[in-house]
Amino acid sequence: MIHTLTIPRGEIVMAAGTATADATDFELKATQSLDTWGICSTPFLDRAFKNTEFRIRVTLRDDGTNRLSKVGYPMPNPLAWAAEG
């Protein structure tokens, strides 16, 4: 399984995972510093808002509905706070 995400201001994520043909729940993951299945950012985003990991869990429901759930709050990079000071 592959999931790609592009953020117009300069970040690309290519997450991957494995699942059997009949799986109803699986996870895709990307991390930085990989040659494959990783995260690539512009120099500014890498310095000021570095993303080190991306995960997406997919659950196929019997009723066919889609659901998006917040799992946590974003945490600003400490370098961004230092730049404001």
PDB file of N, CA and C in Angstrom:
ATOM      1  N   MET A   1       0.833  -1.167   0.000  1.00  0.00           N
ATOM      2  CA  MET A   1       0.000   0.000   0.000  1.00  0.00           C
ATOM      3  C   MET A   1       0.884   1.238   0.000  1.00  0.00           C
ATOM      4  N   ILE A   2       0.479   2.257  -0.734  1.00  0.00           N
ATOM      5  CA  ILE A   2       1.214   3.515  -0.792  1.00  0.00           C
ATOM      6  C   ILE A   2       0.226   4.673  -0.650  1.00  0.00           C
ATOM      7  N   HIS A   3       0.621   5.673   0.131  1.00  0.00           N
ATOM      8  CA  HIS A   3      -0.161   6.910   0.263  1.00  0.00           C
ATOM      9  C   HIS A   3       0.801   8.068   0.026  1.00  0.00           C
ATOM     10  N   THR A   4       0.472   8.974  -0.894  1.00  0.00           N
ATOM     11  CA  THR A   4       1.320  10.139  -1.132  1.00  0.00           C
ATOM     12  C   THR A   4       0.557  11.396  -0.758  1.00  0.00           C
ATOM     13  N   LEU A   5       1.299  12.371  -0.255  1.00  0.00           N
ATOM     14  CA  LEU A   5       0.728  13.638   0.185  1.00  0.00           C
ATOM     15  C   LEU A   5       1.695  14.736  -0.220  1.00  0.00           C
ATOM     16  N   THR A   6       1.184  15.780  -0.863  1.00  0.00           N
ATOM     17  CA  THR A   6       2.005  16.909  -1.260  1.00  0.00           C
ATOM     18  C   THR A   6       1.430  18.180  -0.655  1.00  0.00           C
ATOM     19  N   ILE A   7       2.268  18.941   0.030  1.00  0.00           N
ATOM     20  CA  ILE A   7       1.871  20.220   0.603  1.00  0.00           C
ATOM     21  C   ILE A   7       2.474  21.294  -0.292  1.00  0.00           C
ATOM     22  N   PRO A   8       1.640  22.171  -0.871  1.00  0.00           N
ATOM     23  CA  PRO A   8       2.113  23.123  -1.879  1.00  0.00           C
ATOM     24  C   PRO A   8       3.280  24.007  -1.448  1.00  0.00           C
ATOM     25  N   ARG A   9       3.471  24.242  -0.180  1.00  0.00           N
ATOM     26  CA  ARG A   9       4.574  25.110   0.247  1.00  0.00           C
ATOM     27  C   ARG A   9       5.911  24.391   0.345  1.00  0.00           C
ATOM     28  N   GLY A  10       5.937  23.133  -0.034  1.00  0.00           N
ATOM     29  CA  GLY A  10       7.232  22.485  -0.149  1.00  0.00           C
ATOM     30  C   GLY A  10       7.473  21.258   0.698  1.00  0.00           C
ATOM     31  N   GLU A  11       6.509  20.358   0.770  1.00  0.00           N
ATOM     32  CA  GLU A  11       6.749  19.103   1.475  1.00  0.00           C
ATOM     33  C   GLU A  11       6.039  17.977   0.742  1.00  0.00           C
ATOM     34  N   ILE A  12       6.718  16.848   0.684  1.00  0.00           N
ATOM     35  CA  ILE A  12       6.175  15.658   0.041  1.00  0.00           C
ATOM     36  C   ILE A  12       6.331  14.490   1.005  1.00  0.00           C
ATOM     37  N   VAL A  13       5.273  13.683   1.121  1.00  0.00           N
ATOM     38  CA  VAL A  13       5.298  12.495   1.972  1.00  0.00           C
ATOM     39  C   VAL A  13       4.936  11.302   1.105  1.00  0.00           C
ATOM     40  N   MET A  14       5.721  10.231   1.206  1.00  0.00           N
ATOM     41  CA  MET A  14       5.378   8.966   0.568  1.00  0.00           C
ATOM     42  C   MET A  14       5.411   7.900   1.654  1.00  0.00           C
ATOM     43  N   ALA A  15       4.208   7.508   2.099  1.00  0.00           N
ATOM     44  CA  ALA A  15       4.076   6.538   3.183  1.00  0.00           C
ATOM     45  C   ALA A  15       3.725   5.176   2.600  1.00  0.00           C
ATOM     46  N   ALA A  16       4.180   4.130   3.267  1.00  0.00           N
ATOM     47  CA  ALA A  16       3.924   2.777   2.787  1.00  0.00           C
ATOM     48  C   ALA A  16       3.654   1.839   3.959  1.00  0.00           C
ATOM     49  N   GLY A  17       2.995   0.774   3.651  1.00  0.00           N
ATOM     50  CA  GLY A  17       2.731  -0.272   4.627  1.00  0.00           C
ATOM     51  C   GLY A  17       2.333  -1.539   3.897  1.00  0.00           C
ATOM     52  N   THR A  18       2.169  -2.604   4.644  1.00  0.00           N
ATOM     53  CA  THR A  18       1.762  -3.866   4.043  1.00  0.00           C
ATOM     54  C   THR A  18       0.430  -4.301   4.641  1.00  0.00           C
ATOM     55  N   ALA A  19      -0.330  -5.037   3.848  1.00  0.00           N
ATOM     56  CA  ALA A  19      -1.619  -5.563   4.298  1.00  0.00           C
ATOM     57  C   ALA A  19      -1.965  -6.772   3.434  1.00  0.00           C
ATOM     58  N   THR A  20      -2.677  -7.680   4.029  1.00  0.00           N
ATOM     59  CA  THR A  20      -3.161  -8.822   3.261  1.00  0.00           C
ATOM     60  C   THR A  20      -4.344  -8.378   2.403  1.00  0.00           C
ATOM     61  N   ALA A  21      -4.707  -9.187   1.425  1.00  0.00           N
ATOM     62  CA  ALA A  21      -5.796  -8.836   0.520  1.00  0.00           C
ATOM     63  C   ALA A  21      -7.130  -8.662   1.241  1.00  0.00           C
ATOM     64  N   ASP A  22      -7.337  -9.353   2.356  1.00  0.00           N
ATOM     65  CA  ASP A  22      -8.602  -9.261   3.087  1.00  0.00           C
ATOM     66  C   ASP A  22      -8.511  -8.386   4.338  1.00  0.00           C
ATOM     67  N   ALA A  23      -7.438  -7.615   4.479  1.00  0.00           N
ATOM     68  CA  ALA A  23      -7.253  -6.774   5.670  1.00  0.00           C
ATOM     69  C   ALA A  23      -8.327  -5.688   5.738  1.00  0.00           C
ATOM     70  N   THR A  24      -8.801  -5.413   6.943  1.00  0.00           N
ATOM     71  CA  THR A  24      -9.755  -4.320   7.145  1.00  0.00           C
ATOM     72  C   THR A  24      -9.151  -3.206   7.986  1.00  0.00           C
ATOM     73  N   ASP A  25      -7.897  -3.363   8.401  1.00  0.00           N
ATOM     74  CA  ASP A  25      -7.218  -2.362   9.213  1.00  0.00           C
ATOM     75  C   ASP A  25      -5.719  -2.445   8.925  1.00  0.00           C
ATOM     76  N   PHE A  26      -5.115  -1.313   8.556  1.00  0.00           N
ATOM     77  CA  PHE A  26      -3.680  -1.302   8.302  1.00  0.00           C
ATOM     78  C   PHE A  26      -3.141   0.105   8.486  1.00  0.00           C
ATOM     79  N   GLU A  27      -1.812   0.221   8.593  1.00  0.00           N
ATOM     80  CA  GLU A  27      -1.168   1.513   8.814  1.00  0.00           C
ATOM     81  C   GLU A  27      -0.087   1.746   7.773  1.00  0.00           C
ATOM     82  N   LEU A  28       0.010   3.004   7.329  1.00  0.00           N
ATOM     83  CA  LEU A  28       1.062   3.435   6.417  1.00  0.00           C
ATOM     84  C   LEU A  28       1.926   4.440   7.154  1.00  0.00           C
ATOM     85  N   LYS A  29       3.238   4.416   6.913  1.00  0.00           N
ATOM     86  CA  LYS A  29       4.157   5.248   7.683  1.00  0.00           C
ATOM     87  C   LYS A  29       5.277   5.781   6.792  1.00  0.00           C
ATOM     88  N   ALA A  30       5.705   7.018   7.095  1.00  0.00           N
ATOM     89  CA  ALA A  30       6.875   7.620   6.444  1.00  0.00           C
ATOM     90  C   ALA A  30       7.682   8.333   7.524  1.00  0.00           C
ATOM     91  N   THR A  31       9.000   8.305   7.400  1.00  0.00           N
ATOM     92  CA  THR A  31       9.869   9.034   8.312  1.00  0.00           C
ATOM     93  C   THR A  31      10.920   9.781   7.509  1.00  0.00           C
ATOM     94  N   GLN A  32      11.613  10.691   8.159  1.00  0.00           N
ATOM     95  CA  GLN A  32      12.677  11.443   7.490  1.00  0.00           C
ATOM     96  C   GLN A  32      13.937  10.596   7.357  1.00  0.00           C
ATOM     97  N   SER A  33      14.828  11.039   6.510  1.00  0.00           N
ATOM     98  CA  SER A  33      16.156  10.449   6.314  1.00  0.00           C
ATOM     99  C   SER A  33      16.122   9.063   5.693  1.00  0.00           C
ATOM    100  N   LEU A  34      15.105   8.788   4.913  1.00  0.00           N
ATOM    101  CA  LEU A  34      15.048   7.530   4.182  1.00  0.00           C
ATOM    102  C   LEU A  34      15.211   7.810   2.698  1.00  0.00           C
ATOM    103  N   ASP A  35      15.810   6.885   1.987  1.00  0.00           N
ATOM    104  CA  ASP A  35      15.912   7.027   0.535  1.00  0.00           C
ATOM    105  C   ASP A  35      14.590   6.671  -0.140  1.00  0.00           C
ATOM    106  N   THR A  36      13.777   5.863   0.522  1.00  0.00           N
ATOM    107  CA  THR A  36      12.464   5.475   0.005  1.00  0.00           C
ATOM    108  C   THR A  36      11.438   5.593   1.117  1.00  0.00           C
ATOM    109  N   TRP A  37      10.181   5.766   0.751  1.00  0.00           N
ATOM    110  CA  TRP A  37       9.067   5.862   1.707  1.00  0.00           C
ATOM    111  C   TRP A  37       9.330   6.912   2.771  1.00  0.00           C
ATOM    112  N   GLY A  38       9.622   8.120   2.377  1.00  0.00           N
ATOM    113  CA  GLY A  38      10.021   9.133   3.345  1.00  0.00           C
ATOM    114  C   GLY A  38       9.317  10.467   3.225  1.00  0.00           C
ATOM    115  N   ILE A  39       9.926  11.447   3.873  1.00  0.00           N
ATOM    116  CA  ILE A  39       9.448  12.824   3.907  1.00  0.00           C
ATOM    117  C   ILE A  39      10.544  13.706   3.320  1.00  0.00           C
ATOM    118  N   CYS A  40      10.178  14.571   2.387  1.00  0.00           N
ATOM    119  CA  CYS A  40      11.133  15.491   1.783  1.00  0.00           C
ATOM    120  C   CYS A  40      10.556  16.903   1.887  1.00  0.00           C
ATOM    121  N   SER A  41      11.358  17.850   2.389  1.00  0.00           N
ATOM    122  CA  SER A  41      10.889  19.221   2.616  1.00  0.00           C
ATOM    123  C   SER A  41      11.837  20.233   1.995  1.00  0.00           C
ATOM    124  N   THR A  42      11.317  21.453   1.799  1.00  0.00           N
ATOM    125  CA  THR A  42      12.181  22.559   1.406  1.00  0.00           C
ATOM    126  C   THR A  42      13.106  22.890   2.579  1.00  0.00           C
ATOM    127  N   PRO A  43      14.228  23.559   2.331  1.00  0.00           N
ATOM    128  CA  PRO A  43      15.129  23.904   3.437  1.00  0.00           C
ATOM    129  C   PRO A  43      14.438  24.701   4.549  1.00  0.00           C
ATOM    130  N   PHE A  44      13.553  25.647   4.195  1.00  0.00           N
ATOM    131  CA  PHE A  44      12.865  26.436   5.223  1.00  0.00           C
ATOM    132  C   PHE A  44      11.984  25.556   6.104  1.00  0.00           C
ATOM    133  N   LEU A  45      11.138  24.720   5.499  1.00  0.00           N
ATOM    134  CA  LEU A  45      10.273  23.853   6.299  1.00  0.00           C
ATOM    135  C   LEU A  45      11.080  22.857   7.115  1.00  0.00           C
ATOM    136  N   ASP A  46      12.163  22.368   6.555  1.00  0.00           N
ATOM    137  CA  ASP A  46      13.002  21.426   7.288  1.00  0.00           C
ATOM    138  C   ASP A  46      13.604  22.074   8.534  1.00  0.00           C
ATOM    139  N   ARG A  47      13.933  23.354   8.430  1.00  0.00           N
ATOM    140  CA  ARG A  47      14.540  24.071   9.563  1.00  0.00           C
ATOM    141  C   ARG A  47      13.485  24.545  10.567  1.00  0.00           C
ATOM    142  N   ALA A  48      12.394  25.147  10.085  1.00  0.00           N
ATOM    143  CA  ALA A  48      11.445  25.811  10.977  1.00  0.00           C
ATOM    144  C   ALA A  48      10.269  24.942  11.421  1.00  0.00           C
ATOM    145  N   PHE A  49       9.883  23.982  10.610  1.00  0.00           N
ATOM    146  CA  PHE A  49       8.700  23.175  10.926  1.00  0.00           C
ATOM    147  C   PHE A  49       8.944  21.711  10.569  1.00  0.00           C
ATOM    148  N   LYS A  50      10.029  21.168  11.028  1.00  0.00           N
ATOM    149  CA  LYS A  50      10.457  19.825  10.640  1.00  0.00           C
ATOM    150  C   LYS A  50       9.438  18.751  11.034  1.00  0.00           C
ATOM    151  N   ASN A  51       9.015  17.987  10.054  1.00  0.00           N
ATOM    152  CA  ASN A  51       8.170  16.824  10.292  1.00  0.00           C
ATOM    153  C   ASN A  51       9.060  15.591  10.274  1.00  0.00           C
ATOM    154  N   THR A  52       9.033  14.828  11.340  1.00  0.00           N
ATOM    155  CA  THR A  52       9.899  13.661  11.436  1.00  0.00           C
ATOM    156  C   THR A  52       9.181  12.353  11.148  1.00  0.00           C
ATOM    157  N   GLU A  53       7.848  12.377  11.219  1.00  0.00           N
ATOM    158  CA  GLU A  53       7.100  11.140  10.985  1.00  0.00           C
ATOM    159  C   GLU A  53       5.680  11.456  10.523  1.00  0.00           C
ATOM    160  N   PHE A  54       5.162  10.609   9.647  1.00  0.00           N
ATOM    161  CA  PHE A  54       3.782  10.697   9.189  1.00  0.00           C
ATOM    162  C   PHE A  54       3.200   9.294   9.267  1.00  0.00           C
ATOM    163  N   ARG A  55       2.032   9.175   9.868  1.00  0.00           N
ATOM    164  CA  ARG A  55       1.332   7.887   9.944  1.00  0.00           C
ATOM    165  C   ARG A  55      -0.129   8.085   9.583  1.00  0.00           C
ATOM    166  N   ILE A  56      -0.684   7.097   8.925  1.00  0.00           N
ATOM    167  CA  ILE A  56      -2.114   7.090   8.657  1.00  0.00           C
ATOM    168  C   ILE A  56      -2.616   5.661   8.881  1.00  0.00           C
ATOM    169  N   ARG A  57      -3.654   5.532   9.705  1.00  0.00           N
ATOM    170  CA  ARG A  57      -4.284   4.234   9.952  1.00  0.00           C
ATOM    171  C   ARG A  57      -5.584   4.195   9.166  1.00  0.00           C
ATOM    172  N   VAL A  58      -5.760   3.135   8.407  1.00  0.00           N
ATOM    173  CA  VAL A  58      -6.938   2.956   7.580  1.00  0.00           C
ATOM    174  C   VAL A  58      -7.747   1.785   8.136  1.00  0.00           C
ATOM    175  N   THR A  59      -9.031   2.037   8.386  1.00  0.00           N
ATOM    176  CA  THR A  59      -9.943   0.990   8.837  1.00  0.00           C
ATOM    177  C   THR A  59     -11.120   0.956   7.868  1.00  0.00           C
ATOM    178  N   LEU A  60     -11.329  -0.183   7.236  1.00  0.00           N
ATOM    179  CA  LEU A  60     -12.446  -0.354   6.317  1.00  0.00           C
ATOM    180  C   LEU A  60     -13.647  -0.822   7.137  1.00  0.00           C
ATOM    181  N   ARG A  61     -14.704  -0.026   7.142  1.00  0.00           N
ATOM    182  CA  ARG A  61     -15.890  -0.324   7.957  1.00  0.00           C
ATOM    183  C   ARG A  61     -16.960  -1.044   7.138  1.00  0.00           C
ATOM    184  N   ASP A  62     -17.689  -1.920   7.790  1.00  0.00           N
ATOM    185  CA  ASP A  62     -18.738  -2.688   7.116  1.00  0.00           C
ATOM    186  C   ASP A  62     -19.825  -1.801   6.523  1.00  0.00           C
ATOM    187  N   ASP A  63     -20.105  -0.648   7.176  1.00  0.00           N
ATOM    188  CA  ASP A  63     -21.182   0.215   6.681  1.00  0.00           C
ATOM    189  C   ASP A  63     -20.743   1.145   5.549  1.00  0.00           C
ATOM    190  N   GLY A  64     -19.452   1.109   5.199  1.00  0.00           N
ATOM    191  CA  GLY A  64     -18.950   1.911   4.089  1.00  0.00           C
ATOM    192  C   GLY A  64     -18.751   3.390   4.387  1.00  0.00           C
ATOM    193  N   THR A  65     -18.924   3.819   5.647  1.00  0.00           N
ATOM    194  CA  THR A  65     -18.747   5.231   5.982  1.00  0.00           C
ATOM    195  C   THR A  65     -17.278   5.556   6.197  1.00  0.00           C
ATOM    196  N   ASN A  66     -16.939   6.829   5.996  1.00  0.00           N
ATOM    197  CA  ASN A  66     -15.593   7.337   6.234  1.00  0.00           C
ATOM    198  C   ASN A  66     -15.605   8.151   7.516  1.00  0.00           C
ATOM    199  N   ARG A  67     -14.528   8.101   8.273  1.00  0.00           N
ATOM    200  CA  ARG A  67     -14.449   8.852   9.520  1.00  0.00           C
ATOM    201  C   ARG A  67     -13.037   9.424   9.657  1.00  0.00           C
ATOM    202  N   LEU A  68     -12.948  10.693  10.037  1.00  0.00           N
ATOM    203  CA  LEU A  68     -11.677  11.352  10.291  1.00  0.00           C
ATOM    204  C   LEU A  68     -11.636  11.720  11.766  1.00  0.00           C
ATOM    205  N   SER A  69     -10.609  11.263  12.476  1.00  0.00           N
ATOM    206  CA  SER A  69     -10.516  11.503  13.917  1.00  0.00           C
ATOM    207  C   SER A  69      -9.206  12.186  14.258  1.00  0.00           C
ATOM    208  N   LYS A  70      -9.277  13.220  15.089  1.00  0.00           N
ATOM    209  CA  LYS A  70      -8.077  13.913  15.562  1.00  0.00           C
ATOM    210  C   LYS A  70      -7.399  13.028  16.612  1.00  0.00           C
ATOM    211  N   VAL A  71      -6.103  12.819  16.461  1.00  0.00           N
ATOM    212  CA  VAL A  71      -5.380  11.980  17.422  1.00  0.00           C
ATOM    213  C   VAL A  71      -4.506  12.795  18.361  1.00  0.00           C
ATOM    214  N   GLY A  72      -4.325  14.089  18.104  1.00  0.00           N
ATOM    215  CA  GLY A  72      -3.511  14.932  18.976  1.00  0.00           C
ATOM    216  C   GLY A  72      -3.392  16.331  18.399  1.00  0.00           C
ATOM    217  N   TYR A  73      -2.802  17.201  19.175  1.00  0.00           N
ATOM    218  CA  TYR A  73      -2.605  18.579  18.761  1.00  0.00           C
ATOM    219  C   TYR A  73      -1.216  18.745  18.155  1.00  0.00           C
ATOM    220  N   PRO A  74      -1.061  19.656  17.191  1.00  0.00           N
ATOM    221  CA  PRO A  74       0.265  19.892  16.617  1.00  0.00           C
ATOM    222  C   PRO A  74       1.182  20.524  17.654  1.00  0.00           C
ATOM    223  N   MET A  75       2.470  20.250  17.517  1.00  0.00           N
ATOM    224  CA  MET A  75       3.456  20.812  18.432  1.00  0.00           C
ATOM    225  C   MET A  75       4.464  21.603  17.614  1.00  0.00           C
ATOM    226  N   PRO A  76       4.468  22.947  17.772  1.00  0.00           N
ATOM    227  CA  PRO A  76       5.406  23.752  16.973  1.00  0.00           C
ATOM    228  C   PRO A  76       6.872  23.394  17.254  1.00  0.00           C
ATOM    229  N   ASN A  77       7.670  23.520  16.231  1.00  0.00           N
ATOM    230  CA  ASN A  77       9.100  23.303  16.356  1.00  0.00           C
ATOM    231  C   ASN A  77       9.696  24.404  17.230  1.00  0.00           C
ATOM    232  N   PRO A  78      10.530  24.074  18.225  1.00  0.00           N
ATOM    233  CA  PRO A  78      11.134  25.096  19.078  1.00  0.00           C
ATOM    234  C   PRO A  78      11.906  26.164  18.304  1.00  0.00           C
ATOM    235  N   LEU A  79      12.442  25.816  17.128  1.00  0.00           N
ATOM    236  CA  LEU A  79      13.155  26.808  16.326  1.00  0.00           C
ATOM    237  C   LEU A  79      12.211  27.896  15.825  1.00  0.00           C
ATOM    238  N   ALA A  80      10.935  27.541  15.592  1.00  0.00           N
ATOM    239  CA  ALA A  80       9.957  28.544  15.158  1.00  0.00           C
ATOM    240  C   ALA A  80       9.711  29.553  16.261  1.00  0.00           C
ATOM    241  N   TRP A  81       9.627  29.099  17.509  1.00  0.00           N
ATOM    242  CA  TRP A  81       9.447  30.027  18.625  1.00  0.00           C
ATOM    243  C   TRP A  81      10.664  30.936  18.771  1.00  0.00           C
ATOM    244  N   ALA A  82      11.856  30.388  18.616  1.00  0.00           N
ATOM    245  CA  ALA A  82      13.083  31.168  18.748  1.00  0.00           C
ATOM    246  C   ALA A  82      13.150  32.259  17.675  1.00  0.00           C
ATOM    247  N   ALA A  83      12.651  31.965  16.489  1.00  0.00           N
ATOM    248  CA  ALA A  83      12.664  32.939  15.396  1.00  0.00           C
ATOM    249  C   ALA A  83      11.733  34.105  15.673  1.00  0.00           C
ATOM    250  N   GLU A  84      10.652  33.868  16.448  1.00  0.00           N
ATOM    251  CA  GLU A  84       9.708  34.937  16.781  1.00  0.00           C
ATOM    252  C   GLU A  84      10.243  35.875  17.846  1.00  0.00           C
ATOM    253  N   GLY A  85      11.101  35.336  18.735  1.00  0.00           N
ATOM    254  CA  GLY A  85      11.607  36.088  19.887  1.00  0.00           C
ATOM    255  C   GLY A  85      12.529  37.162  19.513  1.00  0.00           C
TER     256      GLY A  85
END
